[in-house]
């Protein structure tokens, strides 16, 4: 939970709109706007948890994070993390102006994608670090140029360069080698982060077409469709990723969540178990075990007719 400079004996008090504005230095219209957007309760009384949420919102907006991006991050966190109902108040959420991150079990996670930024990655979307090319067409020089632009795109992305420069580099890689599935995946991921889901879908599907046996392209496509609520399409891509790479831990994790959504608890349990075999010790394994235990208890209750 976020640290907040209020004495502990005040934590259970109720605060008025005027109290909140005075304590946190925000305007009444801004506070009402956040309520209209669904970030805060619509009542005129606020709890200590609401104060934490307001402080987090103020910091995110101070870093020029758009409200739509905040909304997507909160929806993703509630979907990804079992038991979290009010991410703004329950989690440590920060932003550098480009990426919203959250502390989960001592590790930093990107809020929208679910990607862990340290050690083990359970990402909702990931980028490629090596250009994948299955084309035999085109001269070696041209493919070398494509690799050059791909690596330049990676370097620009990691250096925090303007996104238009990163996109231009990856596009040049694709122009030089239309079968460069890695560059297509990275472009799709950039467009996903920008909220341009149609463009992201087009690039992921182009990557799948360029290399149908590329697990990451199917995985990222599955995550996009999962976010859009197209669960049948999401499931197909997750299943393909796992058929191509049965040890794809992230795909087991995400499809387990999907099967929970659709009520197929036996399949969800199967994939949670598979995930835990591949990743028995990370912080994500703790979440997987909780989900598996919850499903086992639900199965026992249904079996006893309670």
C-alpha atoms as a PDB file:
ATOM      1  CA  UNK A   1       0.000   0.000   0.000  1.00  0.00           C
ATOM      2  CA  UNK A   2       1.166   3.536  -0.669  1.00  0.00           C
ATOM      3  CA  UNK A   3       2.755   5.490   2.152  1.00  0.00           C
ATOM      4  CA  UNK A   4       0.622   8.454   3.163  1.00  0.00           C
ATOM      5  CA  UNK A   5       1.546  11.241   5.529  1.00  0.00           C
ATOM      6  CA  UNK A   6      -1.479  11.114   7.838  1.00  0.00           C
ATOM      7  CA  UNK A   7      -1.382  10.098  11.525  1.00  0.00           C
ATOM      8  CA  UNK A   8      -2.536   6.517  12.125  1.00  0.00           C
ATOM      9  CA  UNK A   9      -5.309   7.629  14.482  1.00  0.00           C
ATOM     10  CA  UNK A  10      -6.976   9.483  11.604  1.00  0.00           C
ATOM     11  CA  UNK A  11      -6.999   6.514   9.277  1.00  0.00           C
ATOM     12  CA  UNK A  12     -10.629   5.562  10.023  1.00  0.00           C
ATOM     13  CA  UNK A  13     -12.086   9.053   9.802  1.00  0.00           C
ATOM     14  CA  UNK A  14     -14.383  10.234   7.033  1.00  0.00           C
ATOM     15  CA  UNK A  15     -13.206  13.178   4.956  1.00  0.00           C
ATOM     16  CA  UNK A  16     -15.280  15.716   3.050  1.00  0.00           C
ATOM     17  CA  UNK A  17     -14.607  16.868  -0.482  1.00  0.00           C
ATOM     18  CA  UNK A  18     -13.172  20.093   0.936  1.00  0.00           C
ATOM     19  CA  UNK A  19     -10.863  18.120   3.248  1.00  0.00           C
ATOM     20  CA  UNK A  20      -9.497  16.097   0.357  1.00  0.00           C
ATOM     21  CA  UNK A  21      -8.900  19.135  -1.832  1.00  0.00           C
ATOM     22  CA  UNK A  22      -7.183  21.021   0.996  1.00  0.00           C
ATOM     23  CA  UNK A  23      -4.988  18.126   2.129  1.00  0.00           C
ATOM     24  CA  UNK A  24      -3.844  17.073  -1.323  1.00  0.00           C
ATOM     25  CA  UNK A  25      -3.846  20.408  -3.118  1.00  0.00           C
ATOM     26  CA  UNK A  26      -6.250  19.484  -5.904  1.00  0.00           C
ATOM     27  CA  UNK A  27      -9.277  21.348  -7.237  1.00  0.00           C
ATOM     28  CA  UNK A  28     -12.910  20.452  -6.707  1.00  0.00           C
ATOM     29  CA  UNK A  29     -13.581  20.076 -10.457  1.00  0.00           C
ATOM     30  CA  UNK A  30     -10.635  17.687 -10.777  1.00  0.00           C
ATOM     31  CA  UNK A  31     -11.919  15.566  -7.902  1.00  0.00           C
ATOM     32  CA  UNK A  32     -15.420  15.464  -9.370  1.00  0.00           C
ATOM     33  CA  UNK A  33     -13.970  14.579 -12.765  1.00  0.00           C
ATOM     34  CA  UNK A  34     -12.199  11.546 -11.310  1.00  0.00           C
ATOM     35  CA  UNK A  35     -15.448  10.506  -9.672  1.00  0.00           C
ATOM     36  CA  UNK A  36     -17.296  10.767 -12.999  1.00  0.00           C
ATOM     37  CA  UNK A  37     -14.594   8.647 -14.638  1.00  0.00           C
ATOM     38  CA  UNK A  38     -15.171   5.946 -12.023  1.00  0.00           C
ATOM     39  CA  UNK A  39     -11.754   6.227 -10.376  1.00  0.00           C
ATOM     40  CA  UNK A  40     -13.298   7.244  -7.032  1.00  0.00           C
ATOM     41  CA  UNK A  41     -16.631   6.652  -5.208  1.00  0.00           C
ATOM     42  CA  UNK A  42     -19.341   9.111  -6.209  1.00  0.00           C
ATOM     43  CA  UNK A  43     -20.279  10.055  -2.628  1.00  0.00           C
ATOM     44  CA  UNK A  44     -19.249  13.272  -0.889  1.00  0.00           C
ATOM     45  CA  UNK A  45     -17.498  11.393   1.926  1.00  0.00           C
ATOM     46  CA  UNK A  46     -14.052   9.861   1.525  1.00  0.00           C
ATOM     47  CA  UNK A  47     -12.179   7.225   3.511  1.00  0.00           C
ATOM     48  CA  UNK A  48      -8.472   7.004   4.193  1.00  0.00           C
ATOM     49  CA  UNK A  49      -8.214   4.487   1.336  1.00  0.00           C
ATOM     50  CA  UNK A  50      -9.843   7.061  -0.936  1.00  0.00           C
ATOM     51  CA  UNK A  51      -7.167   9.562   0.069  1.00  0.00           C
ATOM     52  CA  UNK A  52      -4.493   7.086  -1.011  1.00  0.00           C
ATOM     53  CA  UNK A  53      -6.295   6.618  -4.333  1.00  0.00           C
ATOM     54  CA  UNK A  54      -6.554  10.384  -4.854  1.00  0.00           C
ATOM     55  CA  UNK A  55      -2.873  10.870  -4.115  1.00  0.00           C
ATOM     56  CA  UNK A  56      -1.974   8.158  -6.617  1.00  0.00           C
ATOM     57  CA  UNK A  57      -4.225   9.702  -9.271  1.00  0.00           C
ATOM     58  CA  UNK A  58      -2.740  13.134  -8.679  1.00  0.00           C
ATOM     59  CA  UNK A  59       0.765  11.772  -9.174  1.00  0.00           C
ATOM     60  CA  UNK A  60      -0.190   9.910 -12.346  1.00  0.00           C
ATOM     61  CA  UNK A  61      -1.789  13.012 -13.847  1.00  0.00           C
ATOM     62  CA  UNK A  62       1.194  15.078 -12.742  1.00  0.00           C
ATOM     63  CA  UNK A  63       3.269  12.770 -14.933  1.00  0.00           C
ATOM     64  CA  UNK A  64       0.822  13.413 -17.809  1.00  0.00           C
ATOM     65  CA  UNK A  65      -0.613   9.890 -17.867  1.00  0.00           C
ATOM     66  CA  UNK A  66      -3.898  10.085 -19.871  1.00  0.00           C
ATOM     67  CA  UNK A  67      -7.117   9.041 -18.078  1.00  0.00           C
ATOM     68  CA  UNK A  68      -7.766   6.332 -20.695  1.00  0.00           C
ATOM     69  CA  UNK A  69      -4.386   4.766 -19.951  1.00  0.00           C
ATOM     70  CA  UNK A  70      -5.109   4.885 -16.214  1.00  0.00           C
ATOM     71  CA  UNK A  71      -8.484   3.209 -16.776  1.00  0.00           C
ATOM     72  CA  UNK A  72      -6.914   0.432 -18.875  1.00  0.00           C
ATOM     73  CA  UNK A  73      -4.231  -0.125 -16.243  1.00  0.00           C
ATOM     74  CA  UNK A  74      -6.776  -0.425 -13.430  1.00  0.00           C
ATOM     75  CA  UNK A  75      -8.960  -2.818 -15.422  1.00  0.00           C
ATOM     76  CA  UNK A  76      -5.917  -4.948 -16.258  1.00  0.00           C
ATOM     77  CA  UNK A  77      -4.767  -5.096 -12.626  1.00  0.00           C
ATOM     78  CA  UNK A  78      -8.198  -6.171 -11.380  1.00  0.00           C
ATOM     79  CA  UNK A  79      -8.321  -8.855 -14.052  1.00  0.00           C
ATOM     80  CA  UNK A  80      -4.758 -10.038 -13.501  1.00  0.00           C
ATOM     81  CA  UNK A  81      -4.502  -9.974  -9.710  1.00  0.00           C
ATOM     82  CA  UNK A  82      -7.037 -12.037  -7.819  1.00  0.00           C
ATOM     83  CA  UNK A  83      -8.633 -10.251  -4.870  1.00  0.00           C
ATOM     84  CA  UNK A  84      -7.598  -6.735  -5.881  1.00  0.00           C
ATOM     85  CA  UNK A  85     -10.732  -4.609  -6.187  1.00  0.00           C
ATOM     86  CA  UNK A  86      -9.329  -1.083  -5.717  1.00  0.00           C
ATOM     87  CA  UNK A  87      -5.856  -0.997  -7.251  1.00  0.00           C
ATOM     88  CA  UNK A  88      -5.356   2.720  -6.623  1.00  0.00           C
ATOM     89  CA  UNK A  89      -5.750   2.213  -2.883  1.00  0.00           C
ATOM     90  CA  UNK A  90      -4.395  -1.314  -2.483  1.00  0.00           C
ATOM     91  CA  UNK A  91      -1.259  -1.231  -4.635  1.00  0.00           C
ATOM     92  CA  UNK A  92       1.828   0.926  -5.030  1.00  0.00           C
ATOM     93  CA  UNK A  93       1.235   2.424  -8.478  1.00  0.00           C
ATOM     94  CA  UNK A  94       3.697   4.836 -10.092  1.00  0.00           C
ATOM     95  CA  UNK A  95       4.541   6.156 -13.559  1.00  0.00           C
ATOM     96  CA  UNK A  96       7.488   7.730 -15.319  1.00  0.00           C
ATOM     97  CA  UNK A  97       5.144   9.485 -17.743  1.00  0.00           C
ATOM     98  CA  UNK A  98       5.211   6.628 -20.253  1.00  0.00           C
ATOM     99  CA  UNK A  99       4.676   3.399 -18.330  1.00  0.00           C
ATOM    100  CA  UNK A 100       2.447   2.681 -15.323  1.00  0.00           C
ATOM    101  CA  UNK A 101       4.073   0.223 -12.934  1.00  0.00           C
ATOM    102  CA  UNK A 102       2.961  -1.470  -9.728  1.00  0.00           C
ATOM    103  CA  UNK A 103       4.742  -3.311  -6.919  1.00  0.00           C
ATOM    104  CA  UNK A 104       3.529  -6.918  -6.583  1.00  0.00           C
ATOM    105  CA  UNK A 105       5.073  -9.329  -4.093  1.00  0.00           C
ATOM    106  CA  UNK A 106       8.244  -7.252  -3.983  1.00  0.00           C
ATOM    107  CA  UNK A 107       8.625  -7.030  -7.762  1.00  0.00           C
ATOM    108  CA  UNK A 108       7.828  -4.285 -10.240  1.00  0.00           C
ATOM    109  CA  UNK A 109       5.163  -5.048 -12.832  1.00  0.00           C
ATOM    110  CA  UNK A 110       3.892  -3.049 -15.786  1.00  0.00           C
ATOM    111  CA  UNK A 111       0.244  -2.410 -14.945  1.00  0.00           C
ATOM    112  CA  UNK A 112      -1.360  -2.680 -18.387  1.00  0.00           C
ATOM    113  CA  UNK A 113       0.602  -5.587 -19.804  1.00  0.00           C
ATOM    114  CA  UNK A 114       1.292  -7.530 -16.603  1.00  0.00           C
ATOM    115  CA  UNK A 115       4.976  -7.796 -17.560  1.00  0.00           C
ATOM    116  CA  UNK A 116       7.363  -8.173 -14.642  1.00  0.00           C
ATOM    117  CA  UNK A 117      10.215  -5.740 -15.032  1.00  0.00           C
ATOM    118  CA  UNK A 118      12.631  -7.886 -12.986  1.00  0.00           C
ATOM    119  CA  UNK A 119      13.523 -11.612 -13.034  1.00  0.00           C
ATOM    120  CA  UNK A 120      10.710 -13.908 -14.213  1.00  0.00           C
ATOM    121  CA  UNK A 121       8.361 -12.431 -16.830  1.00  0.00           C
ATOM    122  CA  UNK A 122       4.651 -13.203 -16.822  1.00  0.00           C
ATOM    123  CA  UNK A 123       3.803 -10.666 -19.454  1.00  0.00           C
ATOM    124  CA  UNK A 124       0.570  -9.859 -21.101  1.00  0.00           C
ATOM    125  CA  UNK A 125       2.589  -8.501 -23.998  1.00  0.00           C
ATOM    126  CA  UNK A 126       6.290  -8.829 -24.672  1.00  0.00           C
ATOM    127  CA  UNK A 127       8.751  -7.452 -27.172  1.00  0.00           C
ATOM    128  CA  UNK A 128      11.362  -9.320 -29.169  1.00  0.00           C
ATOM    129  CA  UNK A 129      15.102  -8.865 -28.641  1.00  0.00           C
ATOM    130  CA  UNK A 130      16.286 -10.871 -31.655  1.00  0.00           C
ATOM    131  CA  UNK A 131      14.996 -10.410 -35.176  1.00  0.00           C
ATOM    132  CA  UNK A 132      13.193 -13.569 -36.276  1.00  0.00           C
ATOM    133  CA  UNK A 133      13.331 -14.152 -40.014  1.00  0.00           C
ATOM    134  CA  UNK A 134      12.236 -17.334 -41.740  1.00  0.00           C
ATOM    135  CA  UNK A 135      12.386 -15.892 -45.266  1.00  0.00           C
ATOM    136  CA  UNK A 136      14.888 -17.214 -47.776  1.00  0.00           C
ATOM    137  CA  UNK A 137      13.972 -14.472 -50.221  1.00  0.00           C
ATOM    138  CA  UNK A 138      15.942 -11.309 -50.692  1.00  0.00           C
ATOM    139  CA  UNK A 139      19.646 -10.641 -50.774  1.00  0.00           C
ATOM    140  CA  UNK A 140      21.828 -11.097 -47.718  1.00  0.00           C
ATOM    141  CA  UNK A 141      22.702  -7.408 -47.791  1.00  0.00           C
ATOM    142  CA  UNK A 142      19.050  -6.394 -47.589  1.00  0.00           C
ATOM    143  CA  UNK A 143      18.416  -8.754 -44.688  1.00  0.00           C
ATOM    144  CA  UNK A 144      21.488  -7.391 -42.940  1.00  0.00           C
ATOM    145  CA  UNK A 145      20.049  -3.902 -43.358  1.00  0.00           C
ATOM    146  CA  UNK A 146      16.760  -5.120 -41.890  1.00  0.00           C
ATOM    147  CA  UNK A 147      18.656  -6.492 -38.886  1.00  0.00           C
ATOM    148  CA  UNK A 148      20.435  -3.149 -38.536  1.00  0.00           C
ATOM    149  CA  UNK A 149      17.145  -1.249 -38.378  1.00  0.00           C
ATOM    150  CA  UNK A 150      15.659  -3.799 -35.999  1.00  0.00           C
ATOM    151  CA  UNK A 151      18.588  -3.411 -33.604  1.00  0.00           C
ATOM    152  CA  UNK A 152      18.352   0.357 -33.952  1.00  0.00           C
ATOM    153  CA  UNK A 153      14.683   0.173 -32.997  1.00  0.00           C
ATOM    154  CA  UNK A 154      15.585  -1.837 -29.887  1.00  0.00           C
ATOM    155  CA  UNK A 155      18.302   0.639 -28.919  1.00  0.00           C
ATOM    156  CA  UNK A 156      15.984   3.620 -29.382  1.00  0.00           C
ATOM    157  CA  UNK A 157      13.218   1.917 -27.402  1.00  0.00           C
ATOM    158  CA  UNK A 158      15.520   1.078 -24.499  1.00  0.00           C
ATOM    159  CA  UNK A 159      16.956   4.617 -24.503  1.00  0.00           C
ATOM    160  CA  UNK A 160      13.479   6.157 -24.197  1.00  0.00           C
ATOM    161  CA  UNK A 161      13.655   7.867 -27.600  1.00  0.00           C
ATOM    162  CA  UNK A 162      10.513   9.473 -29.094  1.00  0.00           C
ATOM    163  CA  UNK A 163       8.160   6.700 -30.064  1.00  0.00           C
ATOM    164  CA  UNK A 164       7.908   7.921 -33.666  1.00  0.00           C
ATOM    165  CA  UNK A 165      11.636   7.226 -34.092  1.00  0.00           C
ATOM    166  CA  UNK A 166      11.242   3.710 -32.696  1.00  0.00           C
ATOM    167  CA  UNK A 167       8.294   3.006 -35.007  1.00  0.00           C
ATOM    168  CA  UNK A 168      10.209   4.338 -38.012  1.00  0.00           C
ATOM    169  CA  UNK A 169      13.150   2.023 -37.299  1.00  0.00           C
ATOM    170  CA  UNK A 170      10.961  -1.083 -36.982  1.00  0.00           C
ATOM    171  CA  UNK A 171       8.995  -0.100 -40.089  1.00  0.00           C
ATOM    172  CA  UNK A 172      12.217   0.143 -42.100  1.00  0.00           C
ATOM    173  CA  UNK A 173      13.143  -3.327 -40.890  1.00  0.00           C
ATOM    174  CA  UNK A 174       9.798  -4.649 -42.146  1.00  0.00           C
ATOM    175  CA  UNK A 175      10.081  -2.762 -45.447  1.00  0.00           C
ATOM    176  CA  UNK A 176      13.453  -4.372 -46.056  1.00  0.00           C
ATOM    177  CA  UNK A 177      12.226  -7.787 -44.923  1.00  0.00           C
ATOM    178  CA  UNK A 178       8.419  -8.258 -44.866  1.00  0.00           C
ATOM    179  CA  UNK A 179       8.930 -11.629 -43.152  1.00  0.00           C
ATOM    180  CA  UNK A 180      10.669 -10.098 -40.127  1.00  0.00           C
ATOM    181  CA  UNK A 181       8.199 -11.432 -37.570  1.00  0.00           C
ATOM    182  CA  UNK A 182      10.140  -9.976 -34.626  1.00  0.00           C
ATOM    183  CA  UNK A 183       9.865  -6.403 -35.901  1.00  0.00           C
ATOM    184  CA  UNK A 184       6.159  -6.952 -36.597  1.00  0.00           C
ATOM    185  CA  UNK A 185       5.600  -8.186 -33.030  1.00  0.00           C
ATOM    186  CA  UNK A 186       7.415  -5.191 -31.557  1.00  0.00           C
ATOM    187  CA  UNK A 187       5.406  -2.762 -33.670  1.00  0.00           C
ATOM    188  CA  UNK A 188       2.248  -4.501 -32.504  1.00  0.00           C
ATOM    189  CA  UNK A 189       3.321  -4.123 -28.885  1.00  0.00           C
ATOM    190  CA  UNK A 190       4.061  -0.414 -29.353  1.00  0.00           C
ATOM    191  CA  UNK A 191       0.631   0.164 -30.872  1.00  0.00           C
ATOM    192  CA  UNK A 192      -0.934  -1.836 -28.033  1.00  0.00           C
ATOM    193  CA  UNK A 193       0.668   0.460 -25.469  1.00  0.00           C
ATOM    194  CA  UNK A 194      -0.617   3.454 -27.435  1.00  0.00           C
ATOM    195  CA  UNK A 195      -4.159   2.069 -27.234  1.00  0.00           C
ATOM    196  CA  UNK A 196      -4.290   1.519 -31.009  1.00  0.00           C
ATOM    197  CA  UNK A 197      -5.623  -2.003 -30.756  1.00  0.00           C
ATOM    198  CA  UNK A 198      -6.612  -2.328 -34.411  1.00  0.00           C
ATOM    199  CA  UNK A 199      -3.058  -1.496 -35.491  1.00  0.00           C
ATOM    200  CA  UNK A 200      -1.672  -3.862 -32.858  1.00  0.00           C
ATOM    201  CA  UNK A 201      -3.931  -6.657 -34.112  1.00  0.00           C
ATOM    202  CA  UNK A 202      -2.859  -6.052 -37.716  1.00  0.00           C
ATOM    203  CA  UNK A 203       0.824  -6.348 -36.829  1.00  0.00           C
ATOM    204  CA  UNK A 204       0.392  -9.427 -34.633  1.00  0.00           C
ATOM    205  CA  UNK A 205      -1.579 -11.147 -37.356  1.00  0.00           C
ATOM    206  CA  UNK A 206       1.074 -10.159 -39.910  1.00  0.00           C
ATOM    207  CA  UNK A 207       3.688 -11.730 -37.627  1.00  0.00           C
ATOM    208  CA  UNK A 208       1.608 -14.928 -37.380  1.00  0.00           C
ATOM    209  CA  UNK A 209       1.299 -15.000 -41.175  1.00  0.00           C
ATOM    210  CA  UNK A 210       5.045 -14.382 -41.596  1.00  0.00           C
ATOM    211  CA  UNK A 211       5.826 -17.242 -39.225  1.00  0.00           C
ATOM    212  CA  UNK A 212       2.856 -19.417 -38.168  1.00  0.00           C
ATOM    213  CA  UNK A 213       5.146 -21.378 -35.839  1.00  0.00           C
ATOM    214  CA  UNK A 214       6.169 -18.329 -33.784  1.00  0.00           C
ATOM    215  CA  UNK A 215       4.773 -18.845 -30.237  1.00  0.00           C
ATOM    216  CA  UNK A 216       5.256 -15.237 -29.094  1.00  0.00           C
ATOM    217  CA  UNK A 217       3.229 -13.841 -31.987  1.00  0.00           C
ATOM    218  CA  UNK A 218       0.321 -16.137 -31.058  1.00  0.00           C
ATOM    219  CA  UNK A 219       0.723 -15.336 -27.359  1.00  0.00           C
ATOM    220  CA  UNK A 220       0.577 -11.571 -27.884  1.00  0.00           C
ATOM    221  CA  UNK A 221      -2.375 -11.909 -30.244  1.00  0.00           C
ATOM    222  CA  UNK A 222      -4.119 -13.979 -27.573  1.00  0.00           C
ATOM    223  CA  UNK A 223      -3.530 -11.288 -24.973  1.00  0.00           C
ATOM    224  CA  UNK A 224      -4.942  -8.602 -27.223  1.00  0.00           C
ATOM    225  CA  UNK A 225      -8.116 -10.579 -27.915  1.00  0.00           C
ATOM    226  CA  UNK A 226      -8.366 -11.431 -24.207  1.00  0.00           C
ATOM    227  CA  UNK A 227      -8.328  -7.723 -23.358  1.00  0.00           C
ATOM    228  CA  UNK A 228     -11.010  -7.022 -25.954  1.00  0.00           C
ATOM    229  CA  UNK A 229     -13.217  -9.770 -24.529  1.00  0.00           C
ATOM    230  CA  UNK A 230     -12.918 -11.968 -27.646  1.00  0.00           C
ATOM    231  CA  UNK A 231     -12.247 -15.019 -25.535  1.00  0.00           C
ATOM    232  CA  UNK A 232     -12.667 -17.688 -28.219  1.00  0.00           C
ATOM    233  CA  UNK A 233     -10.031 -16.040 -30.407  1.00  0.00           C
ATOM    234  CA  UNK A 234      -7.791 -15.491 -27.403  1.00  0.00           C
ATOM    235  CA  UNK A 235      -8.062 -19.159 -26.433  1.00  0.00           C
ATOM    236  CA  UNK A 236      -7.184 -20.302 -29.969  1.00  0.00           C
ATOM    237  CA  UNK A 237      -3.979 -18.255 -29.985  1.00  0.00           C
ATOM    238  CA  UNK A 238      -2.975 -19.333 -26.464  1.00  0.00           C
ATOM    239  CA  UNK A 239      -3.563 -22.966 -27.422  1.00  0.00           C
ATOM    240  CA  UNK A 240      -1.448 -22.539 -30.553  1.00  0.00           C
ATOM    241  CA  UNK A 241       1.363 -20.954 -28.557  1.00  0.00           C
ATOM    242  CA  UNK A 242       1.295 -23.906 -26.161  1.00  0.00           C
ATOM    243  CA  UNK A 243       1.140 -26.450 -28.973  1.00  0.00           C
ATOM    244  CA  UNK A 244       4.267 -24.858 -30.438  1.00  0.00           C
ATOM    245  CA  UNK A 245       5.956 -24.517 -27.036  1.00  0.00           C
ATOM    246  CA  UNK A 246       4.423 -26.678 -24.263  1.00  0.00           C
ATOM    247  CA  UNK A 247       6.863 -25.124 -21.754  1.00  0.00           C
ATOM    248  CA  UNK A 248       5.576 -21.583 -22.392  1.00  0.00           C
ATOM    249  CA  UNK A 249       4.848 -20.672 -18.767  1.00  0.00           C
ATOM    250  CA  UNK A 250       3.227 -17.306 -19.502  1.00  0.00           C
ATOM    251  CA  UNK A 251       0.764 -18.899 -21.898  1.00  0.00           C
ATOM    252  CA  UNK A 252      -0.226 -21.480 -19.251  1.00  0.00           C
ATOM    253  CA  UNK A 253      -0.793 -18.619 -16.773  1.00  0.00           C
ATOM    254  CA  UNK A 254      -2.952 -16.525 -19.079  1.00  0.00           C
ATOM    255  CA  UNK A 255      -5.029 -19.376 -20.467  1.00  0.00           C
ATOM    256  CA  UNK A 256      -5.679 -20.567 -16.891  1.00  0.00           C
ATOM    257  CA  UNK A 257      -7.151 -17.132 -16.141  1.00  0.00           C
ATOM    258  CA  UNK A 258      -9.189 -17.311 -19.345  1.00  0.00           C
ATOM    259  CA  UNK A 259     -10.627 -20.724 -18.463  1.00  0.00           C
ATOM    260  CA  UNK A 260     -11.594 -19.359 -15.039  1.00  0.00           C
ATOM    261  CA  UNK A 261     -13.498 -16.549 -16.748  1.00  0.00           C
ATOM    262  CA  UNK A 262     -15.404 -18.992 -18.917  1.00  0.00           C
ATOM    263  CA  UNK A 263     -16.149 -21.370 -16.044  1.00  0.00           C
ATOM    264  CA  UNK A 264     -14.039 -24.266 -17.315  1.00  0.00           C
ATOM    265  CA  UNK A 265     -12.421 -24.869 -13.930  1.00  0.00           C
ATOM    266  CA  UNK A 266     -10.940 -28.299 -14.689  1.00  0.00           C
ATOM    267  CA  UNK A 267      -8.942 -26.914 -17.610  1.00  0.00           C
ATOM    268  CA  UNK A 268      -7.970 -23.919 -15.501  1.00  0.00           C
ATOM    269  CA  UNK A 269      -6.617 -26.258 -12.819  1.00  0.00           C
ATOM    270  CA  UNK A 270      -4.659 -28.189 -15.448  1.00  0.00           C
ATOM    271  CA  UNK A 271      -2.916 -25.053 -16.680  1.00  0.00           C
ATOM    272  CA  UNK A 272      -2.243 -23.711 -13.177  1.00  0.00           C
ATOM    273  CA  UNK A 273      -0.527 -27.034 -12.384  1.00  0.00           C
ATOM    274  CA  UNK A 274       1.466 -26.861 -15.621  1.00  0.00           C
ATOM    275  CA  UNK A 275       2.490 -23.312 -14.819  1.00  0.00           C
ATOM    276  CA  UNK A 276       3.660 -24.256 -11.325  1.00  0.00           C
ATOM    277  CA  UNK A 277       5.796 -27.080 -12.695  1.00  0.00           C
ATOM    278  CA  UNK A 278       7.573 -24.546 -14.892  1.00  0.00           C
ATOM    279  CA  UNK A 279       7.743 -21.757 -12.318  1.00  0.00           C
ATOM    280  CA  UNK A 280       7.487 -23.102  -8.752  1.00  0.00           C
ATOM    281  CA  UNK A 281       9.265 -20.295  -6.921  1.00  0.00           C
ATOM    282  CA  UNK A 282       8.487 -16.809  -8.291  1.00  0.00           C
ATOM    283  CA  UNK A 283       6.024 -14.320  -6.842  1.00  0.00           C
ATOM    284  CA  UNK A 284       3.653 -15.252  -9.666  1.00  0.00           C
ATOM    285  CA  UNK A 285       3.744 -18.842  -8.442  1.00  0.00           C
ATOM    286  CA  UNK A 286       2.224 -17.610  -5.171  1.00  0.00           C
ATOM    287  CA  UNK A 287      -0.721 -16.159  -7.091  1.00  0.00           C
ATOM    288  CA  UNK A 288      -1.052 -19.338  -9.167  1.00  0.00           C
ATOM    289  CA  UNK A 289      -1.185 -21.473  -6.010  1.00  0.00           C
ATOM    290  CA  UNK A 290      -3.896 -19.271  -4.516  1.00  0.00           C
ATOM    291  CA  UNK A 291      -5.958 -19.577  -7.693  1.00  0.00           C
ATOM    292  CA  UNK A 292      -5.456 -23.346  -7.784  1.00  0.00           C
ATOM    293  CA  UNK A 293      -6.439 -23.731  -4.123  1.00  0.00           C
ATOM    294  CA  UNK A 294      -9.539 -21.604  -4.698  1.00  0.00           C
ATOM    295  CA  UNK A 295     -10.605 -23.807  -7.621  1.00  0.00           C
ATOM    296  CA  UNK A 296      -9.959 -26.987  -5.645  1.00  0.00           C
ATOM    297  CA  UNK A 297     -12.110 -25.721  -2.781  1.00  0.00           C
ATOM    298  CA  UNK A 298     -14.882 -24.787  -5.204  1.00  0.00           C
ATOM    299  CA  UNK A 299     -14.728 -28.289  -6.704  1.00  0.00           C
ATOM    300  CA  UNK A 300     -14.975 -29.871  -3.247  1.00  0.00           C
ATOM    301  CA  UNK A 301     -17.966 -27.705  -2.303  1.00  0.00           C
ATOM    302  CA  UNK A 302     -19.804 -28.581  -5.543  1.00  0.00           C
ATOM    303  CA  UNK A 303     -18.988 -32.250  -5.054  1.00  0.00           C
ATOM    304  CA  UNK A 304     -20.545 -32.298  -1.571  1.00  0.00           C
ATOM    305  CA  UNK A 305     -23.638 -30.501  -2.814  1.00  0.00           C
ATOM    306  CA  UNK A 306     -23.247 -27.571  -0.418  1.00  0.00           C
END
